[in-house]
PDB file of N, CA and C in Angstrom:
ATOM      1  N   MET A   1     106.986 106.873  61.143  1.00  0.00           N
ATOM      2  CA  MET A   1     107.735 107.590  62.282  1.00  0.00           C
ATOM      3  C   MET A   1     109.196 107.753  61.882  1.00  0.00           C
ATOM      4  N   ASN A   2     109.742 106.964  60.902  1.00  0.00           N
ATOM      5  CA  ASN A   2     111.166 107.302  60.487  1.00  0.00           C
ATOM      6  C   ASN A   2     111.343 108.738  59.836  1.00  0.00           C
ATOM      7  N   HIS A   3     110.238 109.282  59.487  1.00  0.00           N
ATOM      8  CA  HIS A   3     110.409 110.499  58.704  1.00  0.00           C
ATOM      9  C   HIS A   3     110.365 111.831  59.665  1.00  0.00           C
ATOM     10  N   LEU A   4     110.083 111.602  60.965  1.00  0.00           N
ATOM     11  CA  LEU A   4     110.145 112.660  61.809  1.00  0.00           C
ATOM     12  C   LEU A   4     111.413 113.017  62.557  1.00  0.00           C
ATOM     13  N   GLY A   5     111.728 114.189  62.765  1.00  0.00           N
ATOM     14  CA  GLY A   5     113.109 114.582  63.370  1.00  0.00           C
ATOM     15  C   GLY A   5     113.005 115.757  64.184  1.00  0.00           C
ATOM     16  N   VAL A   6     113.805 116.015  65.090  1.00  0.00           N
ATOM     17  CA  VAL A   6     113.957 117.177  65.814  1.00  0.00           C
ATOM     18  C   VAL A   6     115.403 117.800  65.754  1.00  0.00           C
ATOM     19  N   ASP A   7     115.500 119.024  65.519  1.00  0.00           N
ATOM     20  CA  ASP A   7     116.788 119.742  65.403  1.00  0.00           C
ATOM     21  C   ASP A   7     117.199 120.140  66.888  1.00  0.00           C
ATOM     22  N   GLY A   8     118.503 120.804  66.874  1.00  0.00           N
ATOM     23  CA  GLY A   8     119.078 121.180  68.168  1.00  0.00           C
ATOM     24  C   GLY A   8     118.246 122.160  68.883  1.00  0.00           C
ATOM     25  N   GLU A   9     117.389 123.015  68.154  1.00  0.00           N
ATOM     26  CA  GLU A   9     116.661 124.069  68.876  1.00  0.00           C
ATOM     27  C   GLU A   9     115.319 123.435  69.299  1.00  0.00           C
ATOM     28  N   GLY A  10     114.780 122.143  68.977  1.00  0.00           N
ATOM     29  CA  GLY A  10     113.653 121.641  69.568  1.00  0.00           C
ATOM     30  C   GLY A  10     112.582 121.797  68.447  1.00  0.00           C
ATOM     31  N   ASN A  11     112.888 122.149  67.175  1.00  0.00           N
ATOM     32  CA  ASN A  11     111.952 122.196  66.231  1.00  0.00           C
ATOM     33  C   ASN A  11     111.666 120.850  65.545  1.00  0.00           C
ATOM     34  N   LEU A  12     110.412 120.521  65.303  1.00  0.00           N
ATOM     35  CA  LEU A  12     109.999 119.324  64.725  1.00  0.00           C
ATOM     36  C   LEU A  12     109.956 119.382  63.157  1.00  0.00           C
ATOM     37  N   TYR A  13     110.596 118.398  62.535  1.00  0.00           N
ATOM     38  CA  TYR A  13     110.822 118.439  61.053  1.00  0.00           C
ATOM     39  C   TYR A  13     110.134 117.058  60.474  1.00  0.00           C
ATOM     40  N   TRP A  14     109.595 117.275  59.302  1.00  0.00           N
ATOM     41  CA  TRP A  14     109.085 116.046  58.568  1.00  0.00           C
ATOM     42  C   TRP A  14     109.858 115.779  57.434  1.00  0.00           C
ATOM     43  N   ILE A  15     110.606 114.585  57.247  1.00  0.00           N
ATOM     44  CA  ILE A  15     111.462 114.174  56.326  1.00  0.00           C
ATOM     45  C   ILE A  15     112.565 115.065  56.172  1.00  0.00           C
ATOM     46  N   ASP A  16     113.146 115.583  57.389  1.00  0.00           N
ATOM     47  CA  ASP A  16     114.349 116.401  57.413  1.00  0.00           C
ATOM     48  C   ASP A  16     114.310 117.620  56.596  1.00  0.00           C
ATOM     49  N   THR A  17     113.159 118.098  56.065  1.00  0.00           N
ATOM     50  CA  THR A  17     113.204 119.444  55.378  1.00  0.00           C
ATOM     51  C   THR A  17     112.047 120.347  55.788  1.00  0.00           C
ATOM     52  N   LYS A  18     110.952 119.882  55.930  1.00  0.00           N
ATOM     53  CA  LYS A  18     109.797 120.636  56.181  1.00  0.00           C
ATOM     54  C   LYS A  18     109.576 120.661  57.634  1.00  0.00           C
ATOM     55  N   ILE A  19     109.607 122.025  58.203  1.00  0.00           N
ATOM     56  CA  ILE A  19     109.386 122.222  59.614  1.00  0.00           C
ATOM     57  C   ILE A  19     107.819 122.222  59.850  1.00  0.00           C
ATOM     58  N   LEU A  20     107.591 121.588  60.926  1.00  0.00           N
ATOM     59  CA  LEU A  20     106.084 121.271  61.299  1.00  0.00           C
ATOM     60  C   LEU A  20     105.842 122.441  62.430  1.00  0.00           C
ATOM     61  N   THR A  21     104.713 123.090  62.101  1.00  0.00           N
ATOM     62  CA  THR A  21     104.399 124.217  63.253  1.00  0.00           C
ATOM     63  C   THR A  21     102.853 123.988  63.321  1.00  0.00           C
ATOM     64  N   ALA A  22     102.436 124.281  64.533  1.00  0.00           N
ATOM     65  CA  ALA A  22     101.111 124.416  64.881  1.00  0.00           C
ATOM     66  C   ALA A  22     100.846 125.566  65.764  1.00  0.00           C
ATOM     67  N   ARG A  23     100.103 126.481  65.092  1.00  0.00           N
ATOM     68  CA  ARG A  23      99.725 127.725  65.828  1.00  0.00           C
ATOM     69  C   ARG A  23      98.298 127.883  65.994  1.00  0.00           C
ATOM     70  N   LYS A  24      97.823 128.016  67.153  1.00  0.00           N
ATOM     71  CA  LYS A  24      96.334 128.192  67.320  1.00  0.00           C
ATOM     72  C   LYS A  24      96.172 129.202  68.484  1.00  0.00           C
ATOM     73  N   GLU A  25      95.712 130.360  67.970  1.00  0.00           N
ATOM     74  CA  GLU A  25      95.601 131.487  68.886  1.00  0.00           C
ATOM     75  C   GLU A  25      94.019 131.552  69.307  1.00  0.00           C
ATOM     76  N   PHE A  26      93.789 132.056  70.499  1.00  0.00           N
ATOM     77  CA  PHE A  26      92.380 132.152  70.834  1.00  0.00           C
ATOM     78  C   PHE A  26      92.268 133.419  71.766  1.00  0.00           C
ATOM     79  N   LYS A  27      90.991 133.931  71.864  1.00  0.00           N
ATOM     80  CA  LYS A  27      90.765 134.987  72.551  1.00  0.00           C
ATOM     81  C   LYS A  27      89.480 134.865  73.363  1.00  0.00           C
ATOM     82  N   LEU A  28      89.602 135.109  74.419  1.00  0.00           N
ATOM     83  CA  LEU A  28      88.456 135.038  75.486  1.00  0.00           C
ATOM     84  C   LEU A  28      87.548 136.295  75.344  1.00  0.00           C
ATOM     85  N   SER A  29      86.297 135.975  75.493  1.00  0.00           N
ATOM     86  CA  SER A  29      85.285 137.122  75.595  1.00  0.00           C
ATOM     87  C   SER A  29      85.539 137.822  77.087  1.00  0.00           C
ATOM     88  N   TRP A  30      84.937 138.892  77.207  1.00  0.00           N
ATOM     89  CA  TRP A  30      85.135 139.780  78.456  1.00  0.00           C
ATOM     90  C   TRP A  30      84.476 138.796  79.579  1.00  0.00           C
ATOM     91  N   PHE A  31      83.320 138.162  79.195  1.00  0.00           N
ATOM     92  CA  PHE A  31      82.655 137.271  80.325  1.00  0.00           C
ATOM     93  C   PHE A  31      83.431 136.000  80.649  1.00  0.00           C
ATOM     94  N   GLN A  32      84.250 135.377  79.560  1.00  0.00           N
ATOM     95  CA  GLN A  32      84.973 134.259  79.835  1.00  0.00           C
ATOM     96  C   GLN A  32      86.163 134.611  80.667  1.00  0.00           C
ATOM     97  N   GLY A  33      86.781 135.853  80.347  1.00  0.00           N
ATOM     98  CA  GLY A  33      87.988 136.365  81.052  1.00  0.00           C
ATOM     99  C   GLY A  33      87.642 136.594  82.623  1.00  0.00           C
ATOM    100  N   THR A  34      86.404 137.098  82.666  1.00  0.00           N
ATOM    101  CA  THR A  34      86.054 137.531  83.944  1.00  0.00           C
ATOM    102  C   THR A  34      85.679 136.129  84.882  1.00  0.00           C
ATOM    103  N   LEU A  35      85.120 135.238  84.223  1.00  0.00           N
ATOM    104  CA  LEU A  35      84.892 133.976  84.898  1.00  0.00           C
ATOM    105  C   LEU A  35      86.339 133.269  85.255  1.00  0.00           C
ATOM    106  N   ALA A  36      87.281 133.236  84.277  1.00  0.00           N
ATOM    107  CA  ALA A  36      88.481 132.741  84.423  1.00  0.00           C
ATOM    108  C   ALA A  36      89.270 133.385  85.609  1.00  0.00           C
ATOM    109  N   SER A  37      89.106 134.621  85.705  1.00  0.00           N
ATOM    110  CA  SER A  37      89.944 135.394  86.768  1.00  0.00           C
ATOM    111  C   SER A  37      89.220 135.077  88.168  1.00  0.00           C
ATOM    112  N   ILE A  38      87.886 135.035  88.157  1.00  0.00           N
ATOM    113  CA  ILE A  38      87.162 134.589  89.499  1.00  0.00           C
ATOM    114  C   ILE A  38      87.599 133.304  89.898  1.00  0.00           C
ATOM    115  N   THR A  39      87.593 132.417  88.983  1.00  0.00           N
ATOM    116  CA  THR A  39      88.054 130.970  89.232  1.00  0.00           C
ATOM    117  C   THR A  39      89.452 130.813  89.822  1.00  0.00           C
ATOM    118  N   ALA A  40      90.300 131.595  89.100  1.00  0.00           N
ATOM    119  CA  ALA A  40      91.734 131.498  89.507  1.00  0.00           C
ATOM    120  C   ALA A  40      91.872 132.316  90.986  1.00  0.00           C
ATOM    121  N   ILE A  41      91.272 133.319  91.127  1.00  0.00           N
ATOM    122  CA  ILE A  41      91.274 133.885  92.438  1.00  0.00           C
ATOM    123  C   ILE A  41      90.704 133.050  93.554  1.00  0.00           C
ATOM    124  N   SER A  42      89.626 132.388  93.258  1.00  0.00           N
ATOM    125  CA  SER A  42      88.868 131.448  94.166  1.00  0.00           C
ATOM    126  C   SER A  42      89.992 130.212  94.589  1.00  0.00           C
ATOM    127  N   ALA A  43      90.595 129.755  93.546  1.00  0.00           N
ATOM    128  CA  ALA A  43      91.501 128.712  93.798  1.00  0.00           C
ATOM    129  C   ALA A  43      92.687 129.049  94.598  1.00  0.00           C
ATOM    130  N   LEU A  44      93.133 130.320  94.374  1.00  0.00           N
ATOM    131  CA  LEU A  44      94.229 130.868  95.135  1.00  0.00           C
ATOM    132  C   LEU A  44      93.840 131.103  96.662  1.00  0.00           C
ATOM    133  N   ILE A  45      92.475 131.407  96.873  1.00  0.00           N
ATOM    134  CA  ILE A  45      92.095 131.625  98.196  1.00  0.00           C
ATOM    135  C   ILE A  45      92.044 130.273  98.910  1.00  0.00           C
ATOM    136  N   ALA A  46      91.433 129.355  98.169  1.00  0.00           N
ATOM    137  CA  ALA A  46      91.471 127.868  98.590  1.00  0.00           C
ATOM    138  C   ALA A  46      92.656 127.435  99.079  1.00  0.00           C
ATOM    139  N   ALA A  47      93.588 127.628  98.193  1.00  0.00           N
ATOM    140  CA  ALA A  47      95.008 127.093  98.479  1.00  0.00           C
ATOM    141  C   ALA A  47      95.513 127.775  99.848  1.00  0.00           C
ATOM    142  N   ILE A  48      95.366 128.949  99.867  1.00  0.00           N
ATOM    143  CA  ILE A  48      95.958 129.626 101.080  1.00  0.00           C
ATOM    144  C   ILE A  48      95.210 129.233 102.426  1.00  0.00           C
ATOM    145  N   ALA A  49      93.914 129.098 102.307  1.00  0.00           N
ATOM    146  CA  ALA A  49      92.992 128.703 103.345  1.00  0.00           C
ATOM    147  C   ALA A  49      93.454 127.081 103.744  1.00  0.00           C
ATOM    148  N   ALA A  50      93.699 126.266 102.771  1.00  0.00           N
ATOM    149  CA  ALA A  50      94.316 124.866 103.087  1.00  0.00           C
ATOM    150  C   ALA A  50      95.666 124.948 103.834  1.00  0.00           C
ATOM    151  N   GLY A  51      96.413 125.845 103.267  1.00  0.00           N
ATOM    152  CA  GLY A  51      97.775 126.060 103.798  1.00  0.00           C
ATOM    153  C   GLY A  51      97.680 126.366 105.389  1.00  0.00           C
ATOM    154  N   VAL A  52      96.849 127.405 105.606  1.00  0.00           N
ATOM    155  CA  VAL A  52      96.646 127.915 107.006  1.00  0.00           C
ATOM    156  C   VAL A  52      96.105 126.826 107.851  1.00  0.00           C
ATOM    157  N   SER A  53      95.166 125.956 107.402  1.00  0.00           N
ATOM    158  CA  SER A  53      94.549 125.091 108.091  1.00  0.00           C
ATOM    159  C   SER A  53      95.526 123.953 108.447  1.00  0.00           C
ATOM    160  N   ALA A  54      96.257 123.563 107.492  1.00  0.00           N
ATOM    161  CA  ALA A  54      97.265 122.447 107.695  1.00  0.00           C
ATOM    162  C   ALA A  54      98.333 122.966 108.800  1.00  0.00           C
ATOM    163  N   TYR A  55      98.647 124.206 108.674  1.00  0.00           N
ATOM    164  CA  TYR A  55      99.763 124.907 109.696  1.00  0.00           C
ATOM    165  C   TYR A  55      99.200 124.816 110.973  1.00  0.00           C
ATOM    166  N   THR A  56      97.877 125.247 111.208  1.00  0.00           N
ATOM    167  CA  THR A  56      97.374 125.324 112.551  1.00  0.00           C
ATOM    168  C   THR A  56      97.121 123.842 113.082  1.00  0.00           C
ATOM    169  N   ASP A  57      96.808 122.883 112.314  1.00  0.00           N
ATOM    170  CA  ASP A  57      96.592 121.546 112.772  1.00  0.00           C
ATOM    171  C   ASP A  57      98.153 121.012 113.092  1.00  0.00           C
ATOM    172  N   TRP A  58      99.099 121.310 112.338  1.00  0.00           N
ATOM    173  CA  TRP A  58     100.391 120.972 112.641  1.00  0.00           C
ATOM    174  C   TRP A  58     100.969 121.563 113.992  1.00  0.00           C
ATOM    175  N   GLN A  59     100.685 122.825 114.131  1.00  0.00           N
ATOM    176  CA  GLN A  59     101.061 123.447 115.426  1.00  0.00           C
ATOM    177  C   GLN A  59     100.298 122.898 116.618  1.00  0.00           C
ATOM    178  N   SER A  60      99.075 122.547 116.413  1.00  0.00           N
ATOM    179  CA  SER A  60      98.410 122.027 117.582  1.00  0.00           C
ATOM    180  C   SER A  60      98.771 120.620 117.888  1.00  0.00           C
ATOM    181  N   LEU A  61      99.297 119.847 116.931  1.00  0.00           N
ATOM    182  CA  LEU A  61      99.684 118.519 117.234  1.00  0.00           C
ATOM    183  C   LEU A  61     101.034 118.491 117.844  1.00  0.00           C
ATOM    184  N   SER A  62     101.839 119.581 117.345  1.00  0.00           N
ATOM    185  CA  SER A  62     103.276 119.603 117.950  1.00  0.00           C
ATOM    186  C   SER A  62     103.268 120.144 119.316  1.00  0.00           C
ATOM    187  N   ASN A  63     102.330 120.975 119.701  1.00  0.00           N
ATOM    188  CA  ASN A  63     102.218 121.496 121.043  1.00  0.00           C
ATOM    189  C   ASN A  63     101.542 120.589 122.081  1.00  0.00           C
ATOM    190  N   GLU A  64     100.700 119.569 121.777  1.00  0.00           N
ATOM    191  CA  GLU A  64     100.019 118.811 122.600  1.00  0.00           C
ATOM    192  C   GLU A  64     100.912 118.048 123.747  1.00  0.00           C
ATOM    193  N   PRO A  65     102.147 117.511 123.265  1.00  0.00           N
ATOM    194  CA  PRO A  65     102.894 116.905 124.433  1.00  0.00           C
ATOM    195  C   PRO A  65     103.468 117.856 125.409  1.00  0.00           C
ATOM    196  N   MET A  66     103.821 119.114 124.958  1.00  0.00           N
ATOM    197  CA  MET A  66     104.199 120.144 125.878  1.00  0.00           C
ATOM    198  C   MET A  66     103.015 120.594 126.723  1.00  0.00           C
ATOM    199  N   GLN A  67     101.958 120.738 126.282  1.00  0.00           N
ATOM    200  CA  GLN A  67     100.710 121.071 127.053  1.00  0.00           C
ATOM    201  C   GLN A  67     100.427 119.960 128.111  1.00  0.00           C
ATOM    202  N   LYS A  68     100.512 118.600 127.763  1.00  0.00           N
ATOM    203  CA  LYS A  68     100.202 117.691 128.620  1.00  0.00           C
ATOM    204  C   LYS A  68     101.299 117.472 129.754  1.00  0.00           C
ATOM    205  N   ALA A  69     102.542 117.791 129.300  1.00  0.00           N
ATOM    206  CA  ALA A  69     103.700 117.612 130.474  1.00  0.00           C
ATOM    207  C   ALA A  69     103.521 118.838 131.302  1.00  0.00           C
ATOM    208  N   SER A  70     103.174 119.947 130.711  1.00  0.00           N
ATOM    209  CA  SER A  70     102.963 121.166 131.553  1.00  0.00           C
ATOM    210  C   SER A  70     101.841 121.058 132.594  1.00  0.00           C
ATOM    211  N   ALA A  71     100.718 120.482 132.086  1.00  0.00           N
ATOM    212  CA  ALA A  71      99.713 120.138 133.101  1.00  0.00           C
ATOM    213  C   ALA A  71     100.073 119.204 134.083  1.00  0.00           C
ATOM    214  N   SER A  72     100.757 118.063 133.734  1.00  0.00           N
ATOM    215  CA  SER A  72     101.157 117.075 134.691  1.00  0.00           C
ATOM    216  C   SER A  72     101.983 117.831 135.788  1.00  0.00           C
ATOM    217  N   ASN A  73     102.904 118.573 135.287  1.00  0.00           N
ATOM    218  CA  ASN A  73     103.809 119.240 136.300  1.00  0.00           C
ATOM    219  C   ASN A  73     103.074 120.323 137.167  1.00  0.00           C
ATOM    220  N   GLN A  74     102.142 120.997 136.657  1.00  0.00           N
ATOM    221  CA  GLN A  74     101.369 121.815 137.519  1.00  0.00           C
ATOM    222  C   GLN A  74     100.574 121.002 138.570  1.00  0.00           C
ATOM    223  N   SER A  75     100.056 119.835 138.180  1.00  0.00           N
ATOM    224  CA  SER A  75      99.320 119.012 139.203  1.00  0.00           C
ATOM    225  C   SER A  75     100.199 118.476 140.241  1.00  0.00           C
ATOM    226  N   LYS A  76     101.428 118.192 139.863  1.00  0.00           N
ATOM    227  CA  LYS A  76     102.345 117.621 140.871  1.00  0.00           C
ATOM    228  C   LYS A  76     102.607 118.672 141.758  1.00  0.00           C
ATOM    229  N   ASP A  77     102.950 120.018 141.203  1.00  0.00           N
ATOM    230  CA  ASP A  77     103.223 121.047 142.177  1.00  0.00           C
ATOM    231  C   ASP A  77     102.107 121.383 143.072  1.00  0.00           C
ATOM    232  N   LYS A  78     100.880 121.246 142.699  1.00  0.00           N
ATOM    233  CA  LYS A  78      99.822 121.613 143.548  1.00  0.00           C
ATOM    234  C   LYS A  78      99.620 120.432 144.629  1.00  0.00           C
ATOM    235  N   ALA A  79     100.113 119.224 144.285  1.00  0.00           N
ATOM    236  CA  ALA A  79      99.862 118.055 145.204  1.00  0.00           C
ATOM    237  C   ALA A  79     100.976 118.229 146.520  1.00  0.00           C
ATOM    238  N   LYS A  80     102.020 118.931 146.270  1.00  0.00           N
ATOM    239  CA  LYS A  80     103.077 119.073 147.177  1.00  0.00           C
ATOM    240  C   LYS A  80     102.553 120.156 148.083  1.00  0.00           C
TER     241      LYS A  80
END
């Protein structure tokens, strides 16, 4: 481990002279790309649905005390 170093630009060196690089490129077939796109779109739709569900739950919880107070005021008004 004493032979590894990093310069100011973030490049990794071995024994202060030889730069270490790792390049690995890949290409998806059209079928894999299509499946990856469908998966990404499905995940996006699920995230939006979860957000909407959480928002509606939060709204219904925050409105409950107001609705109960409003209902009790209406029943008091009817009793008069």
